[in-house]
PDB file of N, CA and C in Angstrom:
ATOM      1  N   MET A   1       0.109  -0.423   1.341  1.00  0.00           N
ATOM      2  CA  MET A   1      -1.290  -0.102   1.563  1.00  0.00           C
ATOM      3  C   MET A   1      -1.427   1.285   2.184  1.00  0.00           C
ATOM      4  N   LYS A   2      -0.512   1.633   3.097  1.00  0.00           N
ATOM      5  CA  LYS A   2      -0.553   2.952   3.716  1.00  0.00           C
ATOM      6  C   LYS A   2      -0.346   4.044   2.671  1.00  0.00           C
ATOM      7  N   SER A   3       0.551   3.779   1.735  1.00  0.00           N
ATOM      8  CA  SER A   3       0.819   4.790   0.708  1.00  0.00           C
ATOM      9  C   SER A   3      -0.401   4.996  -0.185  1.00  0.00           C
ATOM     10  N   PHE A   4      -1.154   3.927  -0.441  1.00  0.00           N
ATOM     11  CA  PHE A   4      -2.364   4.058  -1.237  1.00  0.00           C
ATOM     12  C   PHE A   4      -3.350   4.999  -0.568  1.00  0.00           C
ATOM     13  N   PHE A   5      -3.569   4.810   0.733  1.00  0.00           N
ATOM     14  CA  PHE A   5      -4.496   5.669   1.459  1.00  0.00           C
ATOM     15  C   PHE A   5      -3.986   7.099   1.547  1.00  0.00           C
ATOM     16  N   LEU A   6      -2.702   7.252   1.690  1.00  0.00           N
ATOM     17  CA  LEU A   6      -2.113   8.587   1.733  1.00  0.00           C
ATOM     18  C   LEU A   6      -2.317   9.308   0.403  1.00  0.00           C
ATOM     19  N   ILE A   7      -2.060   8.613  -0.680  1.00  0.00           N
ATOM     20  CA  ILE A   7      -2.246   9.201  -2.007  1.00  0.00           C
ATOM     21  C   ILE A   7      -3.726   9.517  -2.244  1.00  0.00           C
ATOM     22  N   ALA A   8      -4.612   8.600  -1.869  1.00  0.00           N
ATOM     23  CA  ALA A   8      -6.044   8.824  -2.036  1.00  0.00           C
ATOM     24  C   ALA A   8      -6.504  10.032  -1.218  1.00  0.00           C
ATOM     25  N   PHE A   9      -5.997  10.159  -0.002  1.00  0.00           N
ATOM     26  CA  PHE A   9      -6.346  11.287   0.850  1.00  0.00           C
ATOM     27  C   PHE A   9      -5.862  12.601   0.236  1.00  0.00           C
ATOM     28  N   LEU A  10      -4.617  12.616  -0.215  1.00  0.00           N
ATOM     29  CA  LEU A  10      -4.068  13.839  -0.794  1.00  0.00           C
ATOM     30  C   LEU A  10      -4.807  14.255  -2.058  1.00  0.00           C
ATOM     31  N   LEU A  11      -5.156  13.293  -2.890  1.00  0.00           N
ATOM     32  CA  LEU A  11      -5.900  13.611  -4.104  1.00  0.00           C
ATOM     33  C   LEU A  11      -7.298  14.149  -3.794  1.00  0.00           C
ATOM     34  N   SER A  12      -7.982  13.501  -2.838  1.00  0.00           N
ATOM     35  CA  SER A  12      -9.321  13.976  -2.498  1.00  0.00           C
ATOM     36  C   SER A  12      -9.259  15.343  -1.825  1.00  0.00           C
ATOM     37  N   TYR A  13      -8.241  15.575  -0.991  1.00  0.00           N
ATOM     38  CA  TYR A  13      -8.091  16.873  -0.328  1.00  0.00           C
ATOM     39  C   TYR A  13      -7.820  17.968  -1.350  1.00  0.00           C
ATOM     40  N   SER A  14      -6.931  17.695  -2.292  1.00  0.00           N
ATOM     41  CA  SER A  14      -6.622  18.712  -3.299  1.00  0.00           C
ATOM     42  C   SER A  14      -7.830  18.985  -4.182  1.00  0.00           C
ATOM     43  N   PHE A  15      -8.601  17.959  -4.478  1.00  0.00           N
ATOM     44  CA  PHE A  15      -9.806  18.146  -5.287  1.00  0.00           C
ATOM     45  C   PHE A  15     -10.820  18.999  -4.537  1.00  0.00           C
ATOM     46  N   LEU A  16     -11.034  18.708  -3.273  1.00  0.00           N
ATOM     47  CA  LEU A  16     -12.008  19.457  -2.487  1.00  0.00           C
ATOM     48  C   LEU A  16     -11.551  20.886  -2.234  1.00  0.00           C
ATOM     49  N   SER A  17     -10.266  21.094  -2.055  1.00  0.00           N
ATOM     50  CA  SER A  17      -9.791  22.444  -1.810  1.00  0.00           C
ATOM     51  C   SER A  17      -9.873  23.304  -3.066  1.00  0.00           C
ATOM     52  N   GLU A  18      -9.820  22.671  -4.239  1.00  0.00           N
ATOM     53  CA  GLU A  18      -9.936  23.406  -5.488  1.00  0.00           C
ATOM     54  C   GLU A  18     -11.381  23.791  -5.778  1.00  0.00           C
ATOM     55  N   ALA A  19     -12.314  22.975  -5.302  1.00  0.00           N
ATOM     56  CA  ALA A  19     -13.721  23.253  -5.562  1.00  0.00           C
ATOM     57  C   ALA A  19     -14.160  24.467  -4.750  1.00  0.00           C
ATOM     58  N   LYS A  20     -14.799  25.407  -5.416  1.00  0.00           N
ATOM     59  CA  LYS A  20     -15.280  26.600  -4.748  1.00  0.00           C
ATOM     60  C   LYS A  20     -16.783  26.483  -4.595  1.00  0.00           C
ATOM     61  N   ASN A  21     -17.286  27.105  -3.539  1.00  0.00           N
ATOM     62  CA  ASN A  21     -18.736  27.112  -3.437  1.00  0.00           C
ATOM     63  C   ASN A  21     -19.280  28.107  -4.460  1.00  0.00           C
ATOM     64  N   PRO A  22     -20.533  27.989  -4.831  1.00  0.00           N
ATOM     65  CA  PRO A  22     -21.093  28.838  -5.896  1.00  0.00           C
ATOM     66  C   PRO A  22     -20.980  30.338  -5.623  1.00  0.00           C
ATOM     67  N   GLU A  23     -21.129  30.750  -4.368  1.00  0.00           N
ATOM     68  CA  GLU A  23     -21.024  32.176  -4.059  1.00  0.00           C
ATOM     69  C   GLU A  23     -19.622  32.700  -4.311  1.00  0.00           C
ATOM     70  N   GLU A  24     -18.611  31.936  -3.929  1.00  0.00           N
ATOM     71  CA  GLU A  24     -17.221  32.354  -4.172  1.00  0.00           C
ATOM     72  C   GLU A  24     -16.951  32.464  -5.663  1.00  0.00           C
ATOM     73  N   LYS A  25     -17.423  31.486  -6.404  1.00  0.00           N
ATOM     74  CA  LYS A  25     -17.225  31.495  -7.859  1.00  0.00           C
ATOM     75  C   LYS A  25     -17.925  32.695  -8.478  1.00  0.00           C
ATOM     76  N   ASP A  26     -19.150  32.968  -8.035  1.00  0.00           N
ATOM     77  CA  ASP A  26     -19.893  34.096  -8.580  1.00  0.00           C
ATOM     78  C   ASP A  26     -19.233  35.424  -8.228  1.00  0.00           C
ATOM     79  N   LEU A  27     -18.752  35.555  -6.998  1.00  0.00           N
ATOM     80  CA  LEU A  27     -18.054  36.782  -6.619  1.00  0.00           C
ATOM     81  C   LEU A  27     -16.798  36.958  -7.468  1.00  0.00           C
ATOM     82  N   SER A  28     -16.096  35.872  -7.686  1.00  0.00           N
ATOM     83  CA  SER A  28     -14.904  35.925  -8.513  1.00  0.00           C
ATOM     84  C   SER A  28     -15.257  36.367  -9.932  1.00  0.00           C
ATOM     85  N   CYS A  29     -16.335  35.830 -10.468  1.00  0.00           N
ATOM     86  CA  CYS A  29     -16.760  36.195 -11.827  1.00  0.00           C
ATOM     87  C   CYS A  29     -17.218  37.652 -11.887  1.00  0.00           C
ATOM     88  N   ILE A  30     -17.996  38.067 -10.901  1.00  0.00           N
ATOM     89  CA  ILE A  30     -18.497  39.441 -10.887  1.00  0.00           C
ATOM     90  C   ILE A  30     -17.342  40.432 -10.867  1.00  0.00           C
ATOM     91  N   THR A  31     -16.360  40.185 -10.032  1.00  0.00           N
ATOM     92  CA  THR A  31     -15.244  41.124  -9.928  1.00  0.00           C
ATOM     93  C   THR A  31     -14.365  41.086 -11.175  1.00  0.00           C
ATOM     94  N   LEU A  32     -14.144  39.901 -11.727  1.00  0.00           N
ATOM     95  CA  LEU A  32     -13.347  39.822 -12.951  1.00  0.00           C
ATOM     96  C   LEU A  32     -14.077  40.485 -14.119  1.00  0.00           C
ATOM     97  N   LEU A  33     -15.377  40.287 -14.193  1.00  0.00           N
ATOM     98  CA  LEU A  33     -16.165  40.931 -15.240  1.00  0.00           C
ATOM     99  C   LEU A  33     -16.132  42.451 -15.095  1.00  0.00           C
ATOM    100  N   LYS A  34     -16.115  42.922 -13.871  1.00  0.00           N
ATOM    101  CA  LYS A  34     -16.005  44.367 -13.637  1.00  0.00           C
ATOM    102  C   LYS A  34     -14.681  44.894 -14.196  1.00  0.00           C
ATOM    103  N   LEU A  35     -13.594  44.222 -13.848  1.00  0.00           N
ATOM    104  CA  LEU A  35     -12.278  44.649 -14.339  1.00  0.00           C
ATOM    105  C   LEU A  35     -12.187  44.566 -15.862  1.00  0.00           C
ATOM    106  N   ALA A  36     -12.665  43.473 -16.416  1.00  0.00           N
ATOM    107  CA  ALA A  36     -12.579  43.274 -17.867  1.00  0.00           C
ATOM    108  C   ALA A  36     -13.455  44.273 -18.616  1.00  0.00           C
ATOM    109  N   SER A  37     -14.625  44.572 -18.072  1.00  0.00           N
ATOM    110  CA  SER A  37     -15.503  45.529 -18.759  1.00  0.00           C
ATOM    111  C   SER A  37     -14.917  46.933 -18.720  1.00  0.00           C
ATOM    112  N   GLU A  38     -14.311  47.307 -17.602  1.00  0.00           N
ATOM    113  CA  GLU A  38     -13.654  48.611 -17.517  1.00  0.00           C
ATOM    114  C   GLU A  38     -12.516  48.713 -18.531  1.00  0.00           C
ATOM    115  N   LYS A  39     -11.751  47.637 -18.655  1.00  0.00           N
ATOM    116  CA  LYS A  39     -10.651  47.620 -19.618  1.00  0.00           C
ATOM    117  C   LYS A  39     -11.183  47.722 -21.051  1.00  0.00           C
ATOM    118  N   SER A  40     -12.252  47.004 -21.336  1.00  0.00           N
ATOM    119  CA  SER A  40     -12.841  47.041 -22.674  1.00  0.00           C
ATOM    120  C   SER A  40     -13.356  48.438 -23.005  1.00  0.00           C
ATOM    121  N   LYS A  41     -13.975  49.074 -22.030  1.00  0.00           N
ATOM    122  CA  LYS A  41     -14.489  50.419 -22.251  1.00  0.00           C
ATOM    123  C   LYS A  41     -13.349  51.399 -22.519  1.00  0.00           C
ATOM    124  N   MET A  42     -12.258  51.280 -21.748  1.00  0.00           N
ATOM    125  CA  MET A  42     -11.109  52.151 -21.943  1.00  0.00           C
ATOM    126  C   MET A  42     -10.466  51.930 -23.314  1.00  0.00           C
ATOM    127  N   ASP A  43     -10.507  50.676 -23.787  1.00  0.00           N
ATOM    128  CA  ASP A  43      -9.923  50.336 -25.086  1.00  0.00           C
ATOM    129  C   ASP A  43     -10.863  50.648 -26.257  1.00  0.00           C
ATOM    130  N   GLY A  44     -12.078  51.106 -25.941  1.00  0.00           N
ATOM    131  CA  GLY A  44     -13.036  51.447 -26.987  1.00  0.00           C
ATOM    132  C   GLY A  44     -13.754  50.259 -27.596  1.00  0.00           C
ATOM    133  N   GLU A  45     -13.706  49.124 -26.936  1.00  0.00           N
ATOM    134  CA  GLU A  45     -14.381  47.905 -27.424  1.00  0.00           C
ATOM    135  C   GLU A  45     -15.787  47.849 -26.825  1.00  0.00           C
ATOM    136  N   MET A  46     -16.698  48.638 -27.361  1.00  0.00           N
ATOM    137  CA  MET A  46     -18.011  48.802 -26.757  1.00  0.00           C
ATOM    138  C   MET A  46     -18.896  47.549 -26.864  1.00  0.00           C
ATOM    139  N   ILE A  47     -18.746  46.791 -27.926  1.00  0.00           N
ATOM    140  CA  ILE A  47     -19.538  45.559 -28.054  1.00  0.00           C
ATOM    141  C   ILE A  47     -19.134  44.577 -26.965  1.00  0.00           C
ATOM    142  N   LYS A  48     -17.838  44.403 -26.777  1.00  0.00           N
ATOM    143  CA  LYS A  48     -17.347  43.519 -25.723  1.00  0.00           C
ATOM    144  C   LYS A  48     -17.747  44.053 -24.356  1.00  0.00           C
ATOM    145  N   TYR A  49     -17.654  45.368 -24.190  1.00  0.00           N
ATOM    146  CA  TYR A  49     -18.046  45.996 -22.929  1.00  0.00           C
ATOM    147  C   TYR A  49     -19.495  45.667 -22.589  1.00  0.00           C
ATOM    148  N   GLU A  50     -20.395  45.815 -23.542  1.00  0.00           N
ATOM    149  CA  GLU A  50     -21.821  45.532 -23.313  1.00  0.00           C
ATOM    150  C   GLU A  50     -22.049  44.056 -22.983  1.00  0.00           C
ATOM    151  N   LYS A  51     -21.340  43.185 -23.671  1.00  0.00           N
ATOM    152  CA  LYS A  51     -21.457  41.743 -23.433  1.00  0.00           C
ATOM    153  C   LYS A  51     -21.026  41.395 -22.000  1.00  0.00           C
ATOM    154  N   LEU A  52     -19.908  41.978 -21.560  1.00  0.00           N
ATOM    155  CA  LEU A  52     -19.402  41.717 -20.214  1.00  0.00           C
ATOM    156  C   LEU A  52     -20.338  42.273 -19.152  1.00  0.00           C
ATOM    157  N   LYS A  53     -20.868  43.465 -19.376  1.00  0.00           N
ATOM    158  CA  LYS A  53     -21.804  44.070 -18.425  1.00  0.00           C
ATOM    159  C   LYS A  53     -23.073  43.232 -18.305  1.00  0.00           C
ATOM    160  N   LYS A  54     -23.552  42.710 -19.429  1.00  0.00           N
ATOM    161  CA  LYS A  54     -24.768  41.888 -19.427  1.00  0.00           C
ATOM    162  C   LYS A  54     -24.535  40.594 -18.639  1.00  0.00           C
ATOM    163  N   LEU A  55     -23.389  39.962 -18.850  1.00  0.00           N
ATOM    164  CA  LEU A  55     -23.069  38.728 -18.120  1.00  0.00           C
ATOM    165  C   LEU A  55     -22.928  39.007 -16.622  1.00  0.00           C
ATOM    166  N   LYS A  56     -22.276  40.101 -16.282  1.00  0.00           N
ATOM    167  CA  LYS A  56     -22.131  40.489 -14.874  1.00  0.00           C
ATOM    168  C   LYS A  56     -23.501  40.705 -14.234  1.00  0.00           C
ATOM    169  N   LYS A  57     -24.372  41.378 -14.946  1.00  0.00           N
ATOM    170  CA  LYS A  57     -25.716  41.652 -14.436  1.00  0.00           C
ATOM    171  C   LYS A  57     -26.494  40.355 -14.210  1.00  0.00           C
ATOM    172  N   SER A  58     -26.345  39.396 -15.122  1.00  0.00           N
ATOM    173  CA  SER A  58     -27.074  38.130 -14.979  1.00  0.00           C
ATOM    174  C   SER A  58     -26.572  37.320 -13.782  1.00  0.00           C
ATOM    175  N   ILE A  59     -25.284  37.396 -13.497  1.00  0.00           N
ATOM    176  CA  ILE A  59     -24.749  36.687 -12.330  1.00  0.00           C
ATOM    177  C   ILE A  59     -25.188  37.385 -11.044  1.00  0.00           C
ATOM    178  N   LYS A  60     -25.144  38.713 -11.040  1.00  0.00           N
ATOM    179  CA  LYS A  60     -25.543  39.475  -9.857  1.00  0.00           C
ATOM    180  C   LYS A  60     -27.021  39.315  -9.548  1.00  0.00           C
ATOM    181  N   ALA A  61     -27.824  39.016 -10.558  1.00  0.00           N
ATOM    182  CA  ALA A  61     -29.272  38.884 -10.376  1.00  0.00           C
ATOM    183  C   ALA A  61     -29.641  37.716  -9.460  1.00  0.00           C
ATOM    184  N   LYS A  62     -28.731  36.787  -9.267  1.00  0.00           N
ATOM    185  CA  LYS A  62     -28.987  35.637  -8.387  1.00  0.00           C
ATOM    186  C   LYS A  62     -29.044  36.051  -6.918  1.00  0.00           C
ATOM    187  N   TYR A  63     -28.500  37.219  -6.600  1.00  0.00           N
ATOM    188  CA  TYR A  63     -28.324  37.632  -5.207  1.00  0.00           C
ATOM    189  C   TYR A  63     -29.036  38.948  -4.933  1.00  0.00           C
ATOM    190  N   ASN A  64     -29.349  39.158  -3.646  1.00  0.00           N
ATOM    191  CA  ASN A  64     -29.923  40.431  -3.219  1.00  0.00           C
ATOM    192  C   ASN A  64     -28.879  41.527  -3.370  1.00  0.00           C
ATOM    193  N   ASN A  65     -29.344  42.770  -3.425  1.00  0.00           N
ATOM    194  CA  ASN A  65     -28.407  43.890  -3.459  1.00  0.00           C
ATOM    195  C   ASN A  65     -27.533  43.854  -2.220  1.00  0.00           C
ATOM    196  N   ASN A  66     -26.294  44.184  -2.383  1.00  0.00           N
ATOM    197  CA  ASN A  66     -25.310  44.216  -1.295  1.00  0.00           C
ATOM    198  C   ASN A  66     -25.130  42.855  -0.615  1.00  0.00           C
ATOM    199  N   HIS A  67     -25.313  41.791  -1.369  1.00  0.00           N
ATOM    200  CA  HIS A  67     -25.110  40.448  -0.819  1.00  0.00           C
ATOM    201  C   HIS A  67     -23.640  40.233  -0.449  1.00  0.00           C
ATOM    202  N   PHE A  68     -22.749  40.707  -1.303  1.00  0.00           N
ATOM    203  CA  PHE A  68     -21.314  40.563  -1.063  1.00  0.00           C
ATOM    204  C   PHE A  68     -20.807  41.828  -0.378  1.00  0.00           C
ATOM    205  N   SER A  69     -20.030  41.643   0.662  1.00  0.00           N
ATOM    206  CA  SER A  69     -19.514  42.803   1.393  1.00  0.00           C
ATOM    207  C   SER A  69     -18.477  43.541   0.558  1.00  0.00           C
ATOM    208  N   GLU A  70     -18.309  44.816   0.880  1.00  0.00           N
ATOM    209  CA  GLU A  70     -17.300  45.624   0.190  1.00  0.00           C
ATOM    210  C   GLU A  70     -15.906  45.039   0.417  1.00  0.00           C
ATOM    211  N   LYS A  71     -15.676  44.542   1.617  1.00  0.00           N
ATOM    212  CA  LYS A  71     -14.370  43.973   1.959  1.00  0.00           C
ATOM    213  C   LYS A  71     -14.075  42.745   1.092  1.00  0.00           C
ATOM    214  N   ASP A  72     -15.046  41.829   0.993  1.00  0.00           N
ATOM    215  CA  ASP A  72     -14.861  40.624   0.175  1.00  0.00           C
ATOM    216  C   ASP A  72     -14.667  40.984  -1.296  1.00  0.00           C
ATOM    217  N   THR A  73     -15.441  41.942  -1.757  1.00  0.00           N
ATOM    218  CA  THR A  73     -15.336  42.372  -3.147  1.00  0.00           C
ATOM    219  C   THR A  73     -13.965  42.977  -3.423  1.00  0.00           C
ATOM    220  N   GLN A  74     -13.499  43.836  -2.518  1.00  0.00           N
ATOM    221  CA  GLN A  74     -12.199  44.470  -2.715  1.00  0.00           C
ATOM    222  C   GLN A  74     -11.063  43.450  -2.651  1.00  0.00           C
ATOM    223  N   LEU A  75     -11.180  42.479  -1.745  1.00  0.00           N
ATOM    224  CA  LEU A  75     -10.156  41.430  -1.667  1.00  0.00           C
ATOM    225  C   LEU A  75     -10.075  40.646  -2.963  1.00  0.00           C
ATOM    226  N   LYS A  76     -11.223  40.338  -3.528  1.00  0.00           N
ATOM    227  CA  LYS A  76     -11.249  39.575  -4.784  1.00  0.00           C
ATOM    228  C   LYS A  76     -10.716  40.424  -5.937  1.00  0.00           C
ATOM    229  N   LEU A  77     -11.034  41.714  -5.955  1.00  0.00           N
ATOM    230  CA  LEU A  77     -10.487  42.608  -6.987  1.00  0.00           C
ATOM    231  C   LEU A  77      -8.968  42.669  -6.890  1.00  0.00           C
ATOM    232  N   ASP A  78      -8.459  42.785  -5.666  1.00  0.00           N
ATOM    233  CA  ASP A  78      -7.007  42.825  -5.462  1.00  0.00           C
ATOM    234  C   ASP A  78      -6.348  41.531  -5.914  1.00  0.00           C
ATOM    235  N   GLU A  79      -6.995  40.411  -5.608  1.00  0.00           N
ATOM    236  CA  GLU A  79      -6.476  39.100  -6.022  1.00  0.00           C
ATOM    237  C   GLU A  79      -6.407  39.004  -7.545  1.00  0.00           C
ATOM    238  N   HIS A  80      -7.477  39.449  -8.210  1.00  0.00           N
ATOM    239  CA  HIS A  80      -7.475  39.430  -9.679  1.00  0.00           C
ATOM    240  C   HIS A  80      -6.379  40.335 -10.231  1.00  0.00           C
ATOM    241  N   ASN A  81      -6.241  41.518  -9.665  1.00  0.00           N
ATOM    242  CA  ASN A  81      -5.222  42.452 -10.157  1.00  0.00           C
ATOM    243  C   ASN A  81      -3.821  41.867 -10.037  1.00  0.00           C
ATOM    244  N   LEU A  82      -3.548  41.190  -8.928  1.00  0.00           N
ATOM    245  CA  LEU A  82      -2.242  40.545  -8.771  1.00  0.00           C
ATOM    246  C   LEU A  82      -2.031  39.457  -9.825  1.00  0.00           C
ATOM    247  N   ASN A  83      -3.051  38.651 -10.043  1.00  0.00           N
ATOM    248  CA  ASN A  83      -2.947  37.588 -11.048  1.00  0.00           C
ATOM    249  C   ASN A  83      -2.806  38.155 -12.458  1.00  0.00           C
ATOM    250  N   ILE A  84      -3.474  39.259 -12.728  1.00  0.00           N
ATOM    251  CA  ILE A  84      -3.355  39.894 -14.041  1.00  0.00           C
ATOM    252  C   ILE A  84      -1.939  40.409 -14.246  1.00  0.00           C
ATOM    253  N   ILE A  85      -1.354  40.995 -13.204  1.00  0.00           N
ATOM    254  CA  ILE A  85       0.022  41.475 -13.296  1.00  0.00           C
ATOM    255  C   ILE A  85       0.970  40.314 -13.573  1.00  0.00           C
ATOM    256  N   GLU A  86       0.759  39.197 -12.884  1.00  0.00           N
ATOM    257  CA  GLU A  86       1.628  38.026 -13.044  1.00  0.00           C
ATOM    258  C   GLU A  86       1.425  37.313 -14.372  1.00  0.00           C
ATOM    259  N   LYS A  87       0.158  37.102 -14.753  1.00  0.00           N
ATOM    260  CA  LYS A  87      -0.138  36.218 -15.883  1.00  0.00           C
ATOM    261  C   LYS A  87      -0.644  36.945 -17.118  1.00  0.00           C
ATOM    262  N   GLY A  88      -1.048  38.190 -16.982  1.00  0.00           N
ATOM    263  CA  GLY A  88      -1.464  38.990 -18.119  1.00  0.00           C
ATOM    264  C   GLY A  88      -2.848  38.662 -18.652  1.00  0.00           C
ATOM    265  N   GLN A  89      -3.054  38.982 -19.913  1.00  0.00           N
ATOM    266  CA  GLN A  89      -4.356  38.840 -20.569  1.00  0.00           C
ATOM    267  C   GLN A  89      -4.827  37.387 -20.594  1.00  0.00           C
ATOM    268  N   ARG A  90      -3.909  36.466 -20.598  1.00  0.00           N
ATOM    269  CA  ARG A  90      -4.275  35.038 -20.615  1.00  0.00           C
ATOM    270  C   ARG A  90      -5.114  34.679 -19.390  1.00  0.00           C
ATOM    271  N   TYR A  91      -4.755  35.248 -18.239  1.00  0.00           N
ATOM    272  CA  TYR A  91      -5.519  35.013 -17.000  1.00  0.00           C
ATOM    273  C   TYR A  91      -6.958  35.491 -17.167  1.00  0.00           C
ATOM    274  N   ILE A  92      -7.111  36.680 -17.728  1.00  0.00           N
ATOM    275  CA  ILE A  92      -8.450  37.241 -17.911  1.00  0.00           C
ATOM    276  C   ILE A  92      -9.269  36.354 -18.853  1.00  0.00           C
ATOM    277  N   ASN A  93      -8.696  36.021 -19.999  1.00  0.00           N
ATOM    278  CA  ASN A  93      -9.425  35.230 -20.995  1.00  0.00           C
ATOM    279  C   ASN A  93      -9.825  33.857 -20.456  1.00  0.00           C
ATOM    280  N   LYS A  94      -8.900  33.193 -19.795  1.00  0.00           N
ATOM    281  CA  LYS A  94      -9.163  31.862 -19.260  1.00  0.00           C
ATOM    282  C   LYS A  94     -10.293  31.901 -18.234  1.00  0.00           C
ATOM    283  N   ASN A  95     -10.251  32.878 -17.348  1.00  0.00           N
ATOM    284  CA  ASN A  95     -11.254  32.946 -16.289  1.00  0.00           C
ATOM    285  C   ASN A  95     -12.589  33.499 -16.771  1.00  0.00           C
ATOM    286  N   LEU A  96     -12.587  34.318 -17.790  1.00  0.00           N
ATOM    287  CA  LEU A  96     -13.858  34.777 -18.366  1.00  0.00           C
ATOM    288  C   LEU A  96     -14.601  33.603 -18.990  1.00  0.00           C
ATOM    289  N   GLN A  97     -13.875  32.681 -19.576  1.00  0.00           N
ATOM    290  CA  GLN A  97     -14.518  31.489 -20.124  1.00  0.00           C
ATOM    291  C   GLN A  97     -15.150  30.664 -19.009  1.00  0.00           C
ATOM    292  N   LYS A  98     -14.474  30.577 -17.865  1.00  0.00           N
ATOM    293  CA  LYS A  98     -15.036  29.856 -16.726  1.00  0.00           C
ATOM    294  C   LYS A  98     -16.314  30.518 -16.205  1.00  0.00           C
ATOM    295  N   CYS A  99     -16.406  31.827 -16.443  1.00  0.00           N
ATOM    296  CA  CYS A  99     -17.581  32.571 -15.993  1.00  0.00           C
ATOM    297  C   CYS A  99     -18.735  32.502 -16.983  1.00  0.00           C
ATOM    298  N   GLY A 100     -18.503  31.903 -18.131  1.00  0.00           N
ATOM    299  CA  GLY A 100     -19.568  31.718 -19.098  1.00  0.00           C
ATOM    300  C   GLY A 100     -19.496  32.604 -20.323  1.00  0.00           C
ATOM    301  N   LEU A 101     -18.406  33.357 -20.477  1.00  0.00           N
ATOM    302  CA  LEU A 101     -18.265  34.193 -21.667  1.00  0.00           C
ATOM    303  C   LEU A 101     -17.893  33.312 -22.853  1.00  0.00           C
ATOM    304  N   LYS A 102     -18.613  33.494 -23.929  1.00  0.00           N
ATOM    305  CA  LYS A 102     -18.377  32.679 -25.131  1.00  0.00           C
ATOM    306  C   LYS A 102     -17.655  33.484 -26.169  1.00  0.00           C
TER     307      LYS A 102
END
């Protein structure tokens, strides 16, 4: 019986720790969209660039200007850059889908 409660606790804890609040998710999407749009522009993919910029703008519209601090934004950009180095384009594609890119 103790093991059941332990397993239930661990599963619920891992589920809750994985869940992000909406602001964190939006900041993550905004910063990833920034990186992806810059890459698309450098690669000459202007249609994709415009699509990414439009999605970024729609997410940012939920918040006042300067809602996210420069420090938080830079930390999230650094986190994305590390993940991109480790996992490559697959990381970008997977997370862009989570942000609503079709």
